[in-house]
Amino acid sequence: MIELQLIEKSRIAKHYSVLDFKQGENYYYIKAQLQLQDGSCLMVRWDNSPHHKEISTYPHHKHIRGTTESSREISLN
């Protein structure tokens, strides 16, 4: 999985834990917690599930603070 490979190669991530993972035929969902080199913690959620048809960029979307928004971003970079 490319997202986990990016985390493993990162110079700022000390280690990570996968908290949740779901996979379907054309999508996957992953929630991970990263421990950063400075001791802080970063929560990461990747969700390319084909839902939220009301979003103008469907199926692309992002979840921010409990809301679902349009997004063309498709990378953890």
PDB file of N, CA and C in Angstrom:
ATOM      1  N   MET A   1       0.843  -1.167   0.000  1.00  0.00           N
ATOM      2  CA  MET A   1       0.000   0.000   0.000  1.00  0.00           C
ATOM      3  C   MET A   1       0.892   1.234   0.000  1.00  0.00           C
ATOM      4  N   ILE A   2       0.698   2.094  -0.983  1.00  0.00           N
ATOM      5  CA  ILE A   2       1.578   3.241  -1.203  1.00  0.00           C
ATOM      6  C   ILE A   2       1.589   4.204  -0.018  1.00  0.00           C
ATOM      7  N   GLU A   3       0.457   4.400   0.647  1.00  0.00           N
ATOM      8  CA  GLU A   3       0.414   5.337   1.776  1.00  0.00           C
ATOM      9  C   GLU A   3       1.317   4.880   2.915  1.00  0.00           C
ATOM     10  N   LEU A   4       1.310   3.599   3.228  1.00  0.00           N
ATOM     11  CA  LEU A   4       2.175   3.093   4.293  1.00  0.00           C
ATOM     12  C   LEU A   4       3.638   3.135   3.884  1.00  0.00           C
ATOM     13  N   GLN A   5       3.912   2.923   2.611  1.00  0.00           N
ATOM     14  CA  GLN A   5       5.291   3.038   2.126  1.00  0.00           C
ATOM     15  C   GLN A   5       5.797   4.471   2.270  1.00  0.00           C
ATOM     16  N   LEU A   6       4.944   5.454   1.994  1.00  0.00           N
ATOM     17  CA  LEU A   6       5.331   6.855   2.169  1.00  0.00           C
ATOM     18  C   LEU A   6       5.637   7.155   3.631  1.00  0.00           C
ATOM     19  N   ILE A   7       4.826   6.623   4.537  1.00  0.00           N
ATOM     20  CA  ILE A   7       5.062   6.833   5.962  1.00  0.00           C
ATOM     21  C   ILE A   7       6.372   6.184   6.385  1.00  0.00           C
ATOM     22  N   GLU A   8       6.618   4.962   5.929  1.00  0.00           N
ATOM     23  CA  GLU A   8       7.844   4.248   6.296  1.00  0.00           C
ATOM     24  C   GLU A   8       9.092   4.964   5.800  1.00  0.00           C
ATOM     25  N   LYS A   9       9.019   5.640   4.664  1.00  0.00           N
ATOM     26  CA  LYS A   9      10.170   6.361   4.104  1.00  0.00           C
ATOM     27  C   LYS A   9      10.317   7.772   4.668  1.00  0.00           C
ATOM     28  N   SER A  10       9.315   8.226   5.391  1.00  0.00           N
ATOM     29  CA  SER A  10       9.315   9.588   5.909  1.00  0.00           C
ATOM     30  C   SER A  10      10.435   9.796   6.932  1.00  0.00           C
ATOM     31  N   ARG A  11      11.064  10.948   6.865  1.00  0.00           N
ATOM     32  CA  ARG A  11      12.110  11.282   7.843  1.00  0.00           C
ATOM     33  C   ARG A  11      11.518  11.815   9.138  1.00  0.00           C
ATOM     34  N   ILE A  12      10.231  12.203   9.124  1.00  0.00           N
ATOM     35  CA  ILE A  12       9.642  12.779  10.331  1.00  0.00           C
ATOM     36  C   ILE A  12       8.826  11.776  11.140  1.00  0.00           C
ATOM     37  N   ALA A  13       8.507  10.622  10.553  1.00  0.00           N
ATOM     38  CA  ALA A  13       7.724   9.612  11.269  1.00  0.00           C
ATOM     39  C   ALA A  13       8.658   8.631  11.967  1.00  0.00           C
ATOM     40  N   LYS A  14       8.485   8.489  13.258  1.00  0.00           N
ATOM     41  CA  LYS A  14       9.284   7.545  14.040  1.00  0.00           C
ATOM     42  C   LYS A  14       8.719   6.138  13.887  1.00  0.00           C
ATOM     43  N   HIS A  15       7.406   5.982  14.072  1.00  0.00           N
ATOM     44  CA  HIS A  15       6.712   4.724  13.819  1.00  0.00           C
ATOM     45  C   HIS A  15       5.219   5.004  13.674  1.00  0.00           C
ATOM     46  N   TYR A  16       4.471   3.984  13.285  1.00  0.00           N
ATOM     47  CA  TYR A  16       3.040   4.159  13.088  1.00  0.00           C
ATOM     48  C   TYR A  16       2.291   2.903  13.514  1.00  0.00           C
ATOM     49  N   SER A  17       0.995   3.096  13.779  1.00  0.00           N
ATOM     50  CA  SER A  17       0.093   1.994  14.099  1.00  0.00           C
ATOM     51  C   SER A  17      -1.140   2.126  13.221  1.00  0.00           C
ATOM     52  N   VAL A  18      -1.569   1.036  12.611  1.00  0.00           N
ATOM     53  CA  VAL A  18      -2.811   1.020  11.842  1.00  0.00           C
ATOM     54  C   VAL A  18      -3.942   0.747  12.833  1.00  0.00           C
ATOM     55  N   LEU A  19      -4.872   1.699  12.947  1.00  0.00           N
ATOM     56  CA  LEU A  19      -5.971   1.588  13.897  1.00  0.00           C
ATOM     57  C   LEU A  19      -7.216   0.957  13.290  1.00  0.00           C
ATOM     58  N   ASP A  20      -7.397   1.129  11.968  1.00  0.00           N
ATOM     59  CA  ASP A  20      -8.561   0.575  11.296  1.00  0.00           C
ATOM     60  C   ASP A  20      -8.224   0.401   9.820  1.00  0.00           C
ATOM     61  N   PHE A  21      -8.735  -0.660   9.219  1.00  0.00           N
ATOM     62  CA  PHE A  21      -8.503  -0.907   7.794  1.00  0.00           C
ATOM     63  C   PHE A  21      -9.698  -1.658   7.226  1.00  0.00           C
ATOM     64  N   LYS A  22     -10.200  -1.166   6.106  1.00  0.00           N
ATOM     65  CA  LYS A  22     -11.284  -1.828   5.375  1.00  0.00           C
ATOM     66  C   LYS A  22     -10.934  -1.773   3.895  1.00  0.00           C
ATOM     67  N   GLN A  23     -11.260  -2.843   3.180  1.00  0.00           N
ATOM     68  CA  GLN A  23     -10.953  -2.885   1.754  1.00  0.00           C
ATOM     69  C   GLN A  23     -12.106  -3.517   1.000  1.00  0.00           C
ATOM     70  N   GLY A  24     -12.435  -2.931  -0.137  1.00  0.00           N
ATOM     71  CA  GLY A  24     -13.460  -3.468  -1.008  1.00  0.00           C
ATOM     72  C   GLY A  24     -12.871  -3.672  -2.388  1.00  0.00           C
ATOM     73  N   GLU A  25     -13.723  -3.940  -3.339  1.00  0.00           N
ATOM     74  CA  GLU A  25     -13.254  -4.191  -4.702  1.00  0.00           C
ATOM     75  C   GLU A  25     -12.549  -2.983  -5.314  1.00  0.00           C
ATOM     76  N   ASN A  26     -13.086  -1.778  -5.085  1.00  0.00           N
ATOM     77  CA  ASN A  26     -12.524  -0.573  -5.711  1.00  0.00           C
ATOM     78  C   ASN A  26     -12.160   0.518  -4.723  1.00  0.00           C
ATOM     79  N   TYR A  27     -11.965   0.169  -3.481  1.00  0.00           N
ATOM     80  CA  TYR A  27     -11.653   1.203  -2.497  1.00  0.00           C
ATOM     81  C   TYR A  27     -10.936   0.596  -1.299  1.00  0.00           C
ATOM     82  N   TYR A  28     -10.371   1.474  -0.494  1.00  0.00           N
ATOM     83  CA  TYR A  28      -9.936   1.066   0.832  1.00  0.00           C
ATOM     84  C   TYR A  28      -9.950   2.261   1.772  1.00  0.00           C
ATOM     85  N   TYR A  29      -9.973   1.945   3.036  1.00  0.00           N
ATOM     86  CA  TYR A  29     -10.036   2.917   4.121  1.00  0.00           C
ATOM     87  C   TYR A  29      -8.969   2.515   5.117  1.00  0.00           C
ATOM     88  N   ILE A  30      -8.163   3.480   5.518  1.00  0.00           N
ATOM     89  CA  ILE A  30      -7.160   3.198   6.542  1.00  0.00           C
ATOM     90  C   ILE A  30      -7.092   4.378   7.496  1.00  0.00           C
ATOM     91  N   LYS A  31      -6.994   4.054   8.764  1.00  0.00           N
ATOM     92  CA  LYS A  31      -6.819   5.063   9.801  1.00  0.00           C
ATOM     93  C   LYS A  31      -5.550   4.668  10.548  1.00  0.00           C
ATOM     94  N   ALA A  32      -4.621   5.604  10.659  1.00  0.00           N
ATOM     95  CA  ALA A  32      -3.338   5.303  11.290  1.00  0.00           C
ATOM     96  C   ALA A  32      -2.936   6.426  12.237  1.00  0.00           C
ATOM     97  N   GLN A  33      -2.134   6.059  13.212  1.00  0.00           N
ATOM     98  CA  GLN A  33      -1.573   7.021  14.150  1.00  0.00           C
ATOM     99  C   GLN A  33      -0.065   7.004  13.972  1.00  0.00           C
ATOM    100  N   LEU A  34       0.500   8.160  13.726  1.00  0.00           N
ATOM    101  CA  LEU A  34       1.946   8.277  13.536  1.00  0.00           C
ATOM    102  C   LEU A  34       2.578   8.949  14.734  1.00  0.00           C
ATOM    103  N   GLN A  35       3.660   8.401  15.214  1.00  0.00           N
ATOM    104  CA  GLN A  35       4.478   9.053  16.229  1.00  0.00           C
ATOM    105  C   GLN A  35       5.596   9.747  15.465  1.00  0.00           C
ATOM    106  N   LEU A  36       5.697  11.062  15.630  1.00  0.00           N
ATOM    107  CA  LEU A  36       6.695  11.833  14.906  1.00  0.00           C
ATOM    108  C   LEU A  36       7.979  11.954  15.711  1.00  0.00           C
ATOM    109  N   GLN A  37       9.068  12.288  15.029  1.00  0.00           N
ATOM    110  CA  GLN A  37      10.386  12.377  15.659  1.00  0.00           C
ATOM    111  C   GLN A  37      10.402  13.359  16.827  1.00  0.00           C
ATOM    112  N   ASP A  38       9.595  14.421  16.760  1.00  0.00           N
ATOM    113  CA  ASP A  38       9.581  15.421  17.835  1.00  0.00           C
ATOM    114  C   ASP A  38       8.692  15.019  19.011  1.00  0.00           C
ATOM    115  N   GLY A  39       8.131  13.796  18.975  1.00  0.00           N
ATOM    116  CA  GLY A  39       7.301  13.300  20.062  1.00  0.00           C
ATOM    117  C   GLY A  39       5.813  13.569  19.885  1.00  0.00           C
ATOM    118  N   SER A  40       5.444  14.339  18.885  1.00  0.00           N
ATOM    119  CA  SER A  40       4.025  14.611  18.659  1.00  0.00           C
ATOM    120  C   SER A  40       3.363  13.446  17.923  1.00  0.00           C
ATOM    121  N   CYS A  41       2.047  13.484  17.888  1.00  0.00           N
ATOM    122  CA  CYS A  41       1.265  12.410  17.285  1.00  0.00           C
ATOM    123  C   CYS A  41       0.422  12.994  16.154  1.00  0.00           C
ATOM    124  N   LEU A  42       0.343  12.286  15.036  1.00  0.00           N
ATOM    125  CA  LEU A  42      -0.442  12.717  13.886  1.00  0.00           C
ATOM    126  C   LEU A  42      -1.402  11.597  13.515  1.00  0.00           C
ATOM    127  N   MET A  43      -2.687  11.936  13.417  1.00  0.00           N
ATOM    128  CA  MET A  43      -3.701  10.977  12.987  1.00  0.00           C
ATOM    129  C   MET A  43      -3.887  11.135  11.486  1.00  0.00           C
ATOM    130  N   VAL A  44      -3.879  10.026  10.759  1.00  0.00           N
ATOM    131  CA  VAL A  44      -4.038  10.032   9.307  1.00  0.00           C
ATOM    132  C   VAL A  44      -5.213   9.140   8.948  1.00  0.00           C
ATOM    133  N   ARG A  45      -6.089   9.632   8.070  1.00  0.00           N
ATOM    134  CA  ARG A  45      -7.203   8.809   7.581  1.00  0.00           C
ATOM    135  C   ARG A  45      -7.247   8.913   6.064  1.00  0.00           C
ATOM    136  N   TRP A  46      -7.143   7.777   5.405  1.00  0.00           N
ATOM    137  CA  TRP A  46      -7.261   7.694   3.954  1.00  0.00           C
ATOM    138  C   TRP A  46      -8.563   6.981   3.651  1.00  0.00           C
ATOM    139  N   ASP A  47      -9.393   7.624   2.846  1.00  0.00           N
ATOM    140  CA  ASP A  47     -10.718   7.070   2.583  1.00  0.00           C
ATOM    141  C   ASP A  47     -11.080   7.379   1.133  1.00  0.00           C
ATOM    142  N   ASN A  48     -10.935   6.411   0.255  1.00  0.00           N
ATOM    143  CA  ASN A  48     -11.342   6.638  -1.136  1.00  0.00           C
ATOM    144  C   ASN A  48     -12.592   5.830  -1.473  1.00  0.00           C
ATOM    145  N   SER A  49     -13.423   5.621  -0.442  1.00  0.00           N
ATOM    146  CA  SER A  49     -14.690   4.918  -0.647  1.00  0.00           C
ATOM    147  C   SER A  49     -15.589   5.712  -1.589  1.00  0.00           C
ATOM    148  N   PRO A  50     -16.280   5.024  -2.508  1.00  0.00           N
ATOM    149  CA  PRO A  50     -17.134   5.722  -3.467  1.00  0.00           C
ATOM    150  C   PRO A  50     -18.497   6.043  -2.866  1.00  0.00           C
ATOM    151  N   HIS A  51     -18.506   7.009  -1.956  1.00  0.00           N
ATOM    152  CA  HIS A  51     -19.763   7.475  -1.382  1.00  0.00           C
ATOM    153  C   HIS A  51     -19.787   9.006  -1.458  1.00  0.00           C
ATOM    154  N   HIS A  52     -20.759   9.625  -0.924  1.00  0.00           N
ATOM    155  CA  HIS A  52     -20.935  11.090  -0.982  1.00  0.00           C
ATOM    156  C   HIS A  52     -21.119  11.574  -2.413  1.00  0.00           C
ATOM    157  N   LYS A  53     -22.116  11.012  -3.081  1.00  0.00           N
ATOM    158  CA  LYS A  53     -22.409  11.384  -4.464  1.00  0.00           C
ATOM    159  C   LYS A  53     -22.807  12.849  -4.605  1.00  0.00           C
ATOM    160  N   GLU A  54     -23.173  13.497  -3.500  1.00  0.00           N
ATOM    161  CA  GLU A  54     -23.556  14.907  -3.556  1.00  0.00           C
ATOM    162  C   GLU A  54     -22.360  15.853  -3.701  1.00  0.00           C
ATOM    163  N   ILE A  55     -21.149  15.352  -3.502  1.00  0.00           N
ATOM    164  CA  ILE A  55     -19.941  16.173  -3.593  1.00  0.00           C
ATOM    165  C   ILE A  55     -19.585  16.399  -5.062  1.00  0.00           C
ATOM    166  N   SER A  56     -19.229  17.626  -5.418  1.00  0.00           N
ATOM    167  CA  SER A  56     -18.957  17.968  -6.824  1.00  0.00           C
ATOM    168  C   SER A  56     -17.764  17.218  -7.393  1.00  0.00           C
ATOM    169  N   THR A  57     -16.851  16.767  -6.549  1.00  0.00           N
ATOM    170  CA  THR A  57     -15.661  16.047  -7.027  1.00  0.00           C
ATOM    171  C   THR A  57     -15.791  14.533  -6.855  1.00  0.00           C
ATOM    172  N   TYR A  58     -17.038  14.052  -6.678  1.00  0.00           N
ATOM    173  CA  TYR A  58     -17.300  12.619  -6.482  1.00  0.00           C
ATOM    174  C   TYR A  58     -16.543  11.789  -7.514  1.00  0.00           C
ATOM    175  N   PRO A  59     -15.889  10.719  -7.101  1.00  0.00           N
ATOM    176  CA  PRO A  59     -15.901  10.126  -5.761  1.00  0.00           C
ATOM    177  C   PRO A  59     -14.847  10.700  -4.825  1.00  0.00           C
ATOM    178  N   HIS A  60     -14.066  11.664  -5.290  1.00  0.00           N
ATOM    179  CA  HIS A  60     -12.991  12.239  -4.467  1.00  0.00           C
ATOM    180  C   HIS A  60     -13.574  13.179  -3.417  1.00  0.00           C
ATOM    181  N   HIS A  61     -13.081  13.049  -2.183  1.00  0.00           N
ATOM    182  CA  HIS A  61     -13.564  13.878  -1.087  1.00  0.00           C
ATOM    183  C   HIS A  61     -12.559  13.816   0.050  1.00  0.00           C
ATOM    184  N   LYS A  62     -12.744  14.706   1.018  1.00  0.00           N
ATOM    185  CA  LYS A  62     -11.929  14.640   2.223  1.00  0.00           C
ATOM    186  C   LYS A  62     -12.800  14.948   3.427  1.00  0.00           C
ATOM    187  N   HIS A  63     -12.413  14.388   4.564  1.00  0.00           N
ATOM    188  CA  HIS A  63     -13.129  14.580   5.814  1.00  0.00           C
ATOM    189  C   HIS A  63     -12.294  15.505   6.690  1.00  0.00           C
ATOM    190  N   ILE A  64     -12.884  16.618   7.081  1.00  0.00           N
ATOM    191  CA  ILE A  64     -12.186  17.575   7.939  1.00  0.00           C
ATOM    192  C   ILE A  64     -13.112  17.979   9.072  1.00  0.00           C
ATOM    193  N   ARG A  65     -12.668  17.717  10.294  1.00  0.00           N
ATOM    194  CA  ARG A  65     -13.406  18.104  11.497  1.00  0.00           C
ATOM    195  C   ARG A  65     -14.890  17.747  11.435  1.00  0.00           C
ATOM    196  N   GLY A  66     -15.184  16.532  11.044  1.00  0.00           N
ATOM    197  CA  GLY A  66     -16.555  16.053  11.035  1.00  0.00           C
ATOM    198  C   GLY A  66     -17.378  16.436   9.819  1.00  0.00           C
ATOM    199  N   THR A  67     -16.769  17.107   8.841  1.00  0.00           N
ATOM    200  CA  THR A  67     -17.484  17.464   7.613  1.00  0.00           C
ATOM    201  C   THR A  67     -16.868  16.745   6.431  1.00  0.00           C
ATOM    202  N   THR A  68     -17.611  16.648   5.344  1.00  0.00           N
ATOM    203  CA  THR A  68     -17.119  16.057   4.102  1.00  0.00           C
ATOM    204  C   THR A  68     -17.058  17.163   3.062  1.00  0.00           C
ATOM    205  N   GLU A  69     -15.896  17.325   2.422  1.00  0.00           N
ATOM    206  CA  GLU A  69     -15.691  18.417   1.477  1.00  0.00           C
ATOM    207  C   GLU A  69     -15.181  17.896   0.145  1.00  0.00           C
ATOM    208  N   SER A  70     -15.377  18.709  -0.890  1.00  0.00           N
ATOM    209  CA  SER A  70     -14.833  18.399  -2.215  1.00  0.00           C
ATOM    210  C   SER A  70     -13.320  18.398  -2.142  1.00  0.00           C
ATOM    211  N   SER A  71     -12.696  17.552  -2.953  1.00  0.00           N
ATOM    212  CA  SER A  71     -11.233  17.495  -2.957  1.00  0.00           C
ATOM    213  C   SER A  71     -10.738  16.775  -4.194  1.00  0.00           C
ATOM    214  N   ARG A  72      -9.686  17.252  -4.764  1.00  0.00           N
ATOM    215  CA  ARG A  72      -8.985  16.560  -5.852  1.00  0.00           C
ATOM    216  C   ARG A  72      -7.667  15.978  -5.355  1.00  0.00           C
ATOM    217  N   GLU A  73      -7.328  16.241  -4.108  1.00  0.00           N
ATOM    218  CA  GLU A  73      -6.100  15.707  -3.521  1.00  0.00           C
ATOM    219  C   GLU A  73      -6.225  14.193  -3.405  1.00  0.00           C
ATOM    220  N   ILE A  74      -5.246  13.476  -3.923  1.00  0.00           N
ATOM    221  CA  ILE A  74      -5.311  12.004  -3.854  1.00  0.00           C
ATOM    222  C   ILE A  74      -3.973  11.431  -3.406  1.00  0.00           C
ATOM    223  N   SER A  75      -3.309  12.115  -2.465  1.00  0.00           N
ATOM    224  CA  SER A  75      -1.998  11.663  -2.035  1.00  0.00           C
ATOM    225  C   SER A  75      -1.731  12.071  -0.595  1.00  0.00           C
ATOM    226  N   LEU A  76      -0.934  11.303   0.092  1.00  0.00           N
ATOM    227  CA  LEU A  76      -0.480  11.698   1.417  1.00  0.00           C
ATOM    228  C   LEU A  76       0.746  12.622   1.352  1.00  0.00           C
ATOM    229  N   ASN A  77       1.330  12.731   0.162  1.00  0.00           N
ATOM    230  CA  ASN A  77       2.506  13.607   0.037  1.00  0.00           C
ATOM    231  C   ASN A  77       2.192  14.993   0.528  1.00  0.00           C
TER     232      ASN A  77
END
